[in-house]
Amino acid sequence: MRYGAYAIIEVLGSANAVICIDQMLKTSDVHFLSKNTKCGGHTTLVMGGEVSAAQAAVDAVKDNQVCEVFMSAVISAPSDELRRIVEGK
């Protein structure tokens, strides 16, 4: 499926990541794409959807923080290369 935008959030810890995924899915029409945990427990979440839905998902997490959000972004009209990286194709 091709998404118009990606919503990206970085938090610390898998439990916080699950809470943020839940918040994002409940507040807007996005789909979970990937969760990647790296050194130190930093977890990056990527959700896909339309631009407005991706922005609403990021705003929901930033406005109702249950944990520290280290980074957030909305990437609209992602390139084919980025799609392959995120969606693992």
PDB file of N, CA and C in Angstrom:
ATOM      1  N   MET A   1       0.842  -1.178   0.000  1.00  0.00           N
ATOM      2  CA  MET A   1       0.000   0.000   0.000  1.00  0.00           C
ATOM      3  C   MET A   1       0.885   1.239   0.000  1.00  0.00           C
ATOM      4  N   ARG A   2       0.513   2.232  -0.756  1.00  0.00           N
ATOM      5  CA  ARG A   2       1.282   3.471  -0.815  1.00  0.00           C
ATOM      6  C   ARG A   2       0.648   4.498   0.117  1.00  0.00           C
ATOM      7  N   TYR A   3       1.482   5.068   0.980  1.00  0.00           N
ATOM      8  CA  TYR A   3       1.024   6.063   1.932  1.00  0.00           C
ATOM      9  C   TYR A   3       1.453   7.445   1.467  1.00  0.00           C
ATOM     10  N   GLY A   4       0.617   8.443   1.720  1.00  0.00           N
ATOM     11  CA  GLY A   4       0.924   9.813   1.341  1.00  0.00           C
ATOM     12  C   GLY A   4       1.927  10.461   2.260  1.00  0.00           C
ATOM     13  N   ALA A   5       2.070   9.887   3.474  1.00  0.00           N
ATOM     14  CA  ALA A   5       3.005  10.461   4.446  1.00  0.00           C
ATOM     15  C   ALA A   5       3.384   9.416   5.479  1.00  0.00           C
ATOM     16  N   TYR A   6       4.509   9.672   6.127  1.00  0.00           N
ATOM     17  CA  TYR A   6       4.945   8.862   7.255  1.00  0.00           C
ATOM     18  C   TYR A   6       4.984   9.735   8.495  1.00  0.00           C
ATOM     19  N   ALA A   7       4.479   9.218   9.609  1.00  0.00           N
ATOM     20  CA  ALA A   7       4.594   9.864  10.912  1.00  0.00           C
ATOM     21  C   ALA A   7       5.687   9.125  11.664  1.00  0.00           C
ATOM     22  N   ILE A   8       6.680   9.863  12.147  1.00  0.00           N
ATOM     23  CA  ILE A   8       7.830   9.247  12.818  1.00  0.00           C
ATOM     24  C   ILE A   8       7.965   9.831  14.217  1.00  0.00           C
ATOM     25  N   ILE A   9       8.112   8.955  15.203  1.00  0.00           N
ATOM     26  CA  ILE A   9       8.286   9.353  16.604  1.00  0.00           C
ATOM     27  C   ILE A   9       9.438   8.538  17.178  1.00  0.00           C
ATOM     28  N   GLU A  10      10.280   9.180  17.992  1.00  0.00           N
ATOM     29  CA  GLU A  10      11.333   8.457  18.702  1.00  0.00           C
ATOM     30  C   GLU A  10      11.146   8.656  20.194  1.00  0.00           C
ATOM     31  N   VAL A  11      11.069   7.529  20.926  1.00  0.00           N
ATOM     32  CA  VAL A  11      10.896   7.540  22.375  1.00  0.00           C
ATOM     33  C   VAL A  11      11.919   6.593  22.996  1.00  0.00           C
ATOM     34  N   LEU A  12      11.961   6.568  24.326  1.00  0.00           N
ATOM     35  CA  LEU A  12      12.882   5.681  25.026  1.00  0.00           C
ATOM     36  C   LEU A  12      12.101   4.514  25.616  1.00  0.00           C
ATOM     37  N   GLY A  13      12.409   3.308  25.162  1.00  0.00           N
ATOM     38  CA  GLY A  13      11.815   2.111  25.728  1.00  0.00           C
ATOM     39  C   GLY A  13      10.675   1.524  24.920  1.00  0.00           C
ATOM     40  N   SER A  14      10.590   0.211  24.944  1.00  0.00           N
ATOM     41  CA  SER A  14       9.546  -0.500  24.202  1.00  0.00           C
ATOM     42  C   SER A  14       8.160  -0.280  24.784  1.00  0.00           C
ATOM     43  N   ALA A  15       8.055  -0.196  26.103  1.00  0.00           N
ATOM     44  CA  ALA A  15       6.745   0.021  26.721  1.00  0.00           C
ATOM     45  C   ALA A  15       6.194   1.393  26.314  1.00  0.00           C
ATOM     46  N   ASN A  16       7.039   2.412  26.330  1.00  0.00           N
ATOM     47  CA  ASN A  16       6.612   3.743  25.886  1.00  0.00           C
ATOM     48  C   ASN A  16       6.232   3.726  24.415  1.00  0.00           C
ATOM     49  N   ALA A  17       6.936   2.951  23.624  1.00  0.00           N
ATOM     50  CA  ALA A  17       6.627   2.845  22.200  1.00  0.00           C
ATOM     51  C   ALA A  17       5.237   2.260  21.986  1.00  0.00           C
ATOM     52  N   VAL A  18       4.894   1.235  22.748  1.00  0.00           N
ATOM     53  CA  VAL A  18       3.573   0.616  22.620  1.00  0.00           C
ATOM     54  C   VAL A  18       2.478   1.613  22.995  1.00  0.00           C
ATOM     55  N   ILE A  19       2.698   2.385  24.046  1.00  0.00           N
ATOM     56  CA  ILE A  19       1.724   3.397  24.452  1.00  0.00           C
ATOM     57  C   ILE A  19       1.543   4.438  23.353  1.00  0.00           C
ATOM     58  N   CYS A  20       2.643   4.872  22.746  1.00  0.00           N
ATOM     59  CA  CYS A  20       2.568   5.865  21.669  1.00  0.00           C
ATOM     60  C   CYS A  20       1.885   5.294  20.428  1.00  0.00           C
ATOM     61  N   ILE A  21       2.172   4.054  20.098  1.00  0.00           N
ATOM     62  CA  ILE A  21       1.499   3.412  18.961  1.00  0.00           C
ATOM     63  C   ILE A  21      -0.006   3.401  19.210  1.00  0.00           C
ATOM     64  N   ASP A  22      -0.402   3.027  20.410  1.00  0.00           N
ATOM     65  CA  ASP A  22      -1.817   2.982  20.760  1.00  0.00           C
ATOM     66  C   ASP A  22      -2.453   4.366  20.611  1.00  0.00           C
ATOM     67  N   GLN A  23      -1.795   5.393  21.126  1.00  0.00           N
ATOM     68  CA  GLN A  23      -2.302   6.765  21.007  1.00  0.00           C
ATOM     69  C   GLN A  23      -2.465   7.170  19.548  1.00  0.00           C
ATOM     70  N   MET A  24      -1.475   6.885  18.739  1.00  0.00           N
ATOM     71  CA  MET A  24      -1.496   7.286  17.336  1.00  0.00           C
ATOM     72  C   MET A  24      -2.613   6.576  16.571  1.00  0.00           C
ATOM     73  N   LEU A  25      -2.772   5.283  16.826  1.00  0.00           N
ATOM     74  CA  LEU A  25      -3.807   4.519  16.126  1.00  0.00           C
ATOM     75  C   LEU A  25      -5.216   4.942  16.533  1.00  0.00           C
ATOM     76  N   LYS A  26      -5.387   5.332  17.789  1.00  0.00           N
ATOM     77  CA  LYS A  26      -6.709   5.716  18.280  1.00  0.00           C
ATOM     78  C   LYS A  26      -7.115   7.121  17.860  1.00  0.00           C
ATOM     79  N   THR A  27      -6.150   7.994  17.573  1.00  0.00           N
ATOM     80  CA  THR A  27      -6.482   9.390  17.294  1.00  0.00           C
ATOM     81  C   THR A  27      -6.552   9.742  15.818  1.00  0.00           C
ATOM     82  N   SER A  28      -6.032   8.889  14.963  1.00  0.00           N
ATOM     83  CA  SER A  28      -6.093   9.214  13.530  1.00  0.00           C
ATOM     84  C   SER A  28      -6.063   7.944  12.689  1.00  0.00           C
ATOM     85  N   ASP A  29      -6.337   8.108  11.418  1.00  0.00           N
ATOM     86  CA  ASP A  29      -6.414   6.983  10.491  1.00  0.00           C
ATOM     87  C   ASP A  29      -5.030   6.697   9.901  1.00  0.00           C
ATOM     88  N   VAL A  30      -4.167   6.123  10.735  1.00  0.00           N
ATOM     89  CA  VAL A  30      -2.829   5.733  10.295  1.00  0.00           C
ATOM     90  C   VAL A  30      -2.668   4.233  10.484  1.00  0.00           C
ATOM     91  N   HIS A  31      -1.642   3.681   9.865  1.00  0.00           N
ATOM     92  CA  HIS A  31      -1.341   2.257   9.975  1.00  0.00           C
ATOM     93  C   HIS A  31       0.084   2.089  10.502  1.00  0.00           C
ATOM     94  N   PHE A  32       0.254   1.131  11.410  1.00  0.00           N
ATOM     95  CA  PHE A  32       1.583   0.843  11.955  1.00  0.00           C
ATOM     96  C   PHE A  32       2.437   0.195  10.878  1.00  0.00           C
ATOM     97  N   LEU A  33       3.654   0.727  10.690  1.00  0.00           N
ATOM     98  CA  LEU A  33       4.557   0.170   9.687  1.00  0.00           C
ATOM     99  C   LEU A  33       5.786  -0.486  10.302  1.00  0.00           C
ATOM    100  N   SER A  34       6.443   0.198  11.244  1.00  0.00           N
ATOM    101  CA  SER A  34       7.642  -0.406  11.817  1.00  0.00           C
ATOM    102  C   SER A  34       7.983   0.172  13.179  1.00  0.00           C
ATOM    103  N   LYS A  35       8.722  -0.630  13.947  1.00  0.00           N
ATOM    104  CA  LYS A  35       9.261  -0.240  15.249  1.00  0.00           C
ATOM    105  C   LYS A  35      10.691  -0.729  15.269  1.00  0.00           C
ATOM    106  N   ASN A  36      11.621   0.175  15.530  1.00  0.00           N
ATOM    107  CA  ASN A  36      13.027  -0.175  15.490  1.00  0.00           C
ATOM    108  C   ASN A  36      13.694   0.326  16.758  1.00  0.00           C
ATOM    109  N   THR A  37      14.268  -0.591  17.551  1.00  0.00           N
ATOM    110  CA  THR A  37      14.951  -0.227  18.787  1.00  0.00           C
ATOM    111  C   THR A  37      16.452  -0.340  18.580  1.00  0.00           C
ATOM    112  N   LYS A  38      17.145   0.702  18.983  1.00  0.00           N
ATOM    113  CA  LYS A  38      18.604   0.745  18.821  1.00  0.00           C
ATOM    114  C   LYS A  38      19.282   0.862  20.179  1.00  0.00           C
ATOM    115  N   CYS A  39      20.560   1.033  20.151  1.00  0.00           N
ATOM    116  CA  CYS A  39      21.406   1.155  21.325  1.00  0.00           C
ATOM    117  C   CYS A  39      20.831   2.167  22.323  1.00  0.00           C
ATOM    118  N   GLY A  40      20.807   1.797  23.573  1.00  0.00           N
ATOM    119  CA  GLY A  40      20.307   2.692  24.606  1.00  0.00           C
ATOM    120  C   GLY A  40      18.810   2.656  24.773  1.00  0.00           C
ATOM    121  N   GLY A  41      18.114   1.831  23.995  1.00  0.00           N
ATOM    122  CA  GLY A  41      16.680   1.686  24.135  1.00  0.00           C
ATOM    123  C   GLY A  41      15.841   2.686  23.373  1.00  0.00           C
ATOM    124  N   HIS A  42      16.474   3.541  22.568  1.00  0.00           N
ATOM    125  CA  HIS A  42      15.703   4.488  21.761  1.00  0.00           C
ATOM    126  C   HIS A  42      14.918   3.715  20.706  1.00  0.00           C
ATOM    127  N   THR A  43      13.629   3.964  20.653  1.00  0.00           N
ATOM    128  CA  THR A  43      12.740   3.249  19.744  1.00  0.00           C
ATOM    129  C   THR A  43      12.116   4.227  18.767  1.00  0.00           C
ATOM    130  N   THR A  44      12.245   3.927  17.484  1.00  0.00           N
ATOM    131  CA  THR A  44      11.668   4.753  16.429  1.00  0.00           C
ATOM    132  C   THR A  44      10.430   4.055  15.893  1.00  0.00           C
ATOM    133  N   LEU A  45       9.327   4.792  15.847  1.00  0.00           N
ATOM    134  CA  LEU A  45       8.058   4.278  15.347  1.00  0.00           C
ATOM    135  C   LEU A  45       7.735   4.953  14.032  1.00  0.00           C
ATOM    136  N   VAL A  46       7.247   4.196  13.076  1.00  0.00           N
ATOM    137  CA  VAL A  46       6.837   4.763  11.794  1.00  0.00           C
ATOM    138  C   VAL A  46       5.415   4.303  11.504  1.00  0.00           C
ATOM    139  N   MET A  47       4.555   5.278  11.261  1.00  0.00           N
ATOM    140  CA  MET A  47       3.164   5.029  10.908  1.00  0.00           C
ATOM    141  C   MET A  47       2.932   5.619   9.526  1.00  0.00           C
ATOM    142  N   GLY A  48       2.008   5.042   8.765  1.00  0.00           N
ATOM    143  CA  GLY A  48       1.722   5.544   7.435  1.00  0.00           C
ATOM    144  C   GLY A  48       0.272   5.961   7.306  1.00  0.00           C
ATOM    145  N   GLY A  49       0.027   6.958   6.458  1.00  0.00           N
ATOM    146  CA  GLY A  49      -1.332   7.423   6.218  1.00  0.00           C
ATOM    147  C   GLY A  49      -1.316   8.663   5.359  1.00  0.00           C
ATOM    148  N   GLU A  50      -2.442   9.329   5.281  1.00  0.00           N
ATOM    149  CA  GLU A  50      -2.501  10.600   4.566  1.00  0.00           C
ATOM    150  C   GLU A  50      -1.781  11.664   5.391  1.00  0.00           C
ATOM    151  N   VAL A  51      -1.420  12.763   4.749  1.00  0.00           N
ATOM    152  CA  VAL A  51      -0.638  13.800   5.423  1.00  0.00           C
ATOM    153  C   VAL A  51      -1.358  14.311   6.668  1.00  0.00           C
ATOM    154  N   SER A  52      -2.634  14.612   6.564  1.00  0.00           N
ATOM    155  CA  SER A  52      -3.370  15.152   7.716  1.00  0.00           C
ATOM    156  C   SER A  52      -3.467  14.132   8.847  1.00  0.00           C
ATOM    157  N   ALA A  53      -3.641  12.874   8.512  1.00  0.00           N
ATOM    158  CA  ALA A  53      -3.716  11.828   9.535  1.00  0.00           C
ATOM    159  C   ALA A  53      -2.365  11.627  10.210  1.00  0.00           C
ATOM    160  N   ALA A  54      -1.284  11.654   9.435  1.00  0.00           N
ATOM    161  CA  ALA A  54       0.065  11.512   9.998  1.00  0.00           C
ATOM    162  C   ALA A  54       0.367  12.672  10.934  1.00  0.00           C
ATOM    163  N   GLN A  55       0.002  13.881  10.530  1.00  0.00           N
ATOM    164  CA  GLN A  55       0.237  15.055  11.380  1.00  0.00           C
ATOM    165  C   GLN A  55      -0.592  14.967  12.657  1.00  0.00           C
ATOM    166  N   ALA A  56      -1.831  14.516  12.552  1.00  0.00           N
ATOM    167  CA  ALA A  56      -2.686  14.363  13.732  1.00  0.00           C
ATOM    168  C   ALA A  56      -2.120  13.316  14.688  1.00  0.00           C
ATOM    169  N   ALA A  57      -1.553  12.248  14.158  1.00  0.00           N
ATOM    170  CA  ALA A  57      -0.963  11.201  14.995  1.00  0.00           C
ATOM    171  C   ALA A  57       0.249  11.730  15.758  1.00  0.00           C
ATOM    172  N   VAL A  58       1.107  12.476  15.080  1.00  0.00           N
ATOM    173  CA  VAL A  58       2.288  13.055  15.736  1.00  0.00           C
ATOM    174  C   VAL A  58       1.849  14.075  16.786  1.00  0.00           C
ATOM    175  N   ASP A  59       0.899  14.918  16.438  1.00  0.00           N
ATOM    176  CA  ASP A  59       0.418  15.930  17.383  1.00  0.00           C
ATOM    177  C   ASP A  59      -0.212  15.302  18.615  1.00  0.00           C
ATOM    178  N   ALA A  60      -0.916  14.194  18.438  1.00  0.00           N
ATOM    179  CA  ALA A  60      -1.549  13.518  19.574  1.00  0.00           C
ATOM    180  C   ALA A  60      -0.511  13.055  20.585  1.00  0.00           C
ATOM    181  N   VAL A  61       0.601  12.527  20.103  1.00  0.00           N
ATOM    182  CA  VAL A  61       1.650  12.056  21.007  1.00  0.00           C
ATOM    183  C   VAL A  61       2.373  13.234  21.646  1.00  0.00           C
ATOM    184  N   LYS A  62       2.648  14.267  20.872  1.00  0.00           N
ATOM    185  CA  LYS A  62       3.363  15.424  21.412  1.00  0.00           C
ATOM    186  C   LYS A  62       2.517  16.212  22.399  1.00  0.00           C
ATOM    187  N   ASP A  63       1.205  16.309  22.158  1.00  0.00           N
ATOM    188  CA  ASP A  63       0.327  17.090  23.025  1.00  0.00           C
ATOM    189  C   ASP A  63      -0.024  16.366  24.316  1.00  0.00           C
ATOM    190  N   ASN A  64      -0.046  15.041  24.303  1.00  0.00           N
ATOM    191  CA  ASN A  64      -0.405  14.238  25.476  1.00  0.00           C
ATOM    192  C   ASN A  64       0.733  13.297  25.824  1.00  0.00           C
ATOM    193  N   GLN A  65       1.891  13.854  26.087  1.00  0.00           N
ATOM    194  CA  GLN A  65       3.079  13.034  26.304  1.00  0.00           C
ATOM    195  C   GLN A  65       2.975  12.211  27.579  1.00  0.00           C
ATOM    196  N   VAL A  66       3.141  10.909  27.418  1.00  0.00           N
ATOM    197  CA  VAL A  66       3.242  10.015  28.566  1.00  0.00           C
ATOM    198  C   VAL A  66       4.704   9.674  28.816  1.00  0.00           C
ATOM    199  N   CYS A  67       5.552  10.080  27.888  1.00  0.00           N
ATOM    200  CA  CYS A  67       6.986   9.862  27.998  1.00  0.00           C
ATOM    201  C   CYS A  67       7.685  10.956  27.191  1.00  0.00           C
ATOM    202  N   GLU A  68       8.997  11.015  27.324  1.00  0.00           N
ATOM    203  CA  GLU A  68       9.755  12.010  26.564  1.00  0.00           C
ATOM    204  C   GLU A  68       9.807  11.609  25.089  1.00  0.00           C
ATOM    205  N   VAL A  69       9.478  12.558  24.230  1.00  0.00           N
ATOM    206  CA  VAL A  69       9.572  12.349  22.786  1.00  0.00           C
ATOM    207  C   VAL A  69      10.860  13.029  22.333  1.00  0.00           C
ATOM    208  N   PHE A  70      11.806  12.239  21.854  1.00  0.00           N
ATOM    209  CA  PHE A  70      13.105  12.771  21.459  1.00  0.00           C
ATOM    210  C   PHE A  70      13.075  13.406  20.075  1.00  0.00           C
ATOM    211  N   MET A  71      12.239  12.874  19.209  1.00  0.00           N
ATOM    212  CA  MET A  71      12.166  13.376  17.848  1.00  0.00           C
ATOM    213  C   MET A  71      10.804  13.034  17.290  1.00  0.00           C
ATOM    214  N   SER A  72      10.290  13.930  16.449  1.00  0.00           N
ATOM    215  CA  SER A  72       9.048  13.632  15.740  1.00  0.00           C
ATOM    216  C   SER A  72       9.104  14.332  14.393  1.00  0.00           C
ATOM    217  N   ALA A  73       8.469  13.730  13.413  1.00  0.00           N
ATOM    218  CA  ALA A  73       8.459  14.322  12.074  1.00  0.00           C
ATOM    219  C   ALA A  73       7.318  13.719  11.270  1.00  0.00           C
ATOM    220  N   VAL A  74       6.895  14.488  10.279  1.00  0.00           N
ATOM    221  CA  VAL A  74       5.959  14.002   9.277  1.00  0.00           C
ATOM    222  C   VAL A  74       6.636  14.189   7.930  1.00  0.00           C
ATOM    223  N   ILE A  75       6.780  13.106   7.207  1.00  0.00           N
ATOM    224  CA  ILE A  75       7.392  13.163   5.883  1.00  0.00           C
ATOM    225  C   ILE A  75       6.287  12.954   4.864  1.00  0.00           C
ATOM    226  N   SER A  76       5.980  14.018   4.132  1.00  0.00           N
ATOM    227  CA  SER A  76       4.934  13.911   3.115  1.00  0.00           C
ATOM    228  C   SER A  76       5.555  13.558   1.771  1.00  0.00           C
ATOM    229  N   ALA A  77       4.795  12.895   0.954  1.00  0.00           N
ATOM    230  CA  ALA A  77       5.228  12.462  -0.383  1.00  0.00           C
ATOM    231  C   ALA A  77       6.599  11.786  -0.336  1.00  0.00           C
ATOM    232  N   PRO A  78       6.723  10.699   0.439  1.00  0.00           N
ATOM    233  CA  PRO A  78       8.026  10.029   0.551  1.00  0.00           C
ATOM    234  C   PRO A  78       8.499   9.482  -0.795  1.00  0.00           C
ATOM    235  N   SER A  79       9.809   9.522  -0.983  1.00  0.00           N
ATOM    236  CA  SER A  79      10.403   9.017  -2.227  1.00  0.00           C
ATOM    237  C   SER A  79      10.300   7.497  -2.278  1.00  0.00           C
ATOM    238  N   ASP A  80      10.486   6.946  -3.468  1.00  0.00           N
ATOM    239  CA  ASP A  80      10.442   5.489  -3.625  1.00  0.00           C
ATOM    240  C   ASP A  80      11.538   4.815  -2.810  1.00  0.00           C
ATOM    241  N   GLU A  81      12.702   5.444  -2.713  1.00  0.00           N
ATOM    242  CA  GLU A  81      13.807   4.878  -1.929  1.00  0.00           C
ATOM    243  C   GLU A  81      13.428   4.797  -0.449  1.00  0.00           C
ATOM    244  N   LEU A  82      12.810   5.871   0.047  1.00  0.00           N
ATOM    245  CA  LEU A  82      12.406   5.868   1.460  1.00  0.00           C
ATOM    246  C   LEU A  82      11.314   4.827   1.690  1.00  0.00           C
ATOM    247  N   ARG A  83      10.401   4.678   0.755  1.00  0.00           N
ATOM    248  CA  ARG A  83       9.345   3.659   0.872  1.00  0.00           C
ATOM    249  C   ARG A  83       9.960   2.275   1.013  1.00  0.00           C
ATOM    250  N   ARG A  84      10.985   1.988   0.213  1.00  0.00           N
ATOM    251  CA  ARG A  84      11.639   0.667   0.290  1.00  0.00           C
ATOM    252  C   ARG A  84      12.298   0.463   1.639  1.00  0.00           C
ATOM    253  N   ILE A  85      12.907   1.503   2.191  1.00  0.00           N
ATOM    254  CA  ILE A  85      13.559   1.394   3.498  1.00  0.00           C
ATOM    255  C   ILE A  85      12.528   1.152   4.591  1.00  0.00           C
ATOM    256  N   VAL A  86      11.504   1.966   4.619  1.00  0.00           N
ATOM    257  CA  VAL A  86      10.505   1.904   5.695  1.00  0.00           C
ATOM    258  C   VAL A  86       9.657   0.644   5.600  1.00  0.00           C
ATOM    259  N   GLU A  87       9.209   0.317   4.425  1.00  0.00           N
ATOM    260  CA  GLU A  87       8.297  -0.805   4.262  1.00  0.00           C
ATOM    261  C   GLU A  87       9.021  -2.120   3.990  1.00  0.00           C
ATOM    262  N   GLY A  88      10.343  -2.093   3.948  1.00  0.00           N
ATOM    263  CA  GLY A  88      11.128  -3.304   3.831  1.00  0.00           C
ATOM    264  C   GLY A  88      10.974  -4.050   2.525  1.00  0.00           C
ATOM    265  N   LYS A  89      10.779  -3.324   1.432  1.00  0.00           N
ATOM    266  CA  LYS A  89      10.600  -3.966   0.133  1.00  0.00           C
ATOM    267  C   LYS A  89      11.783  -3.710  -0.752  1.00  0.00           C
TER     268      LYS A  89
END
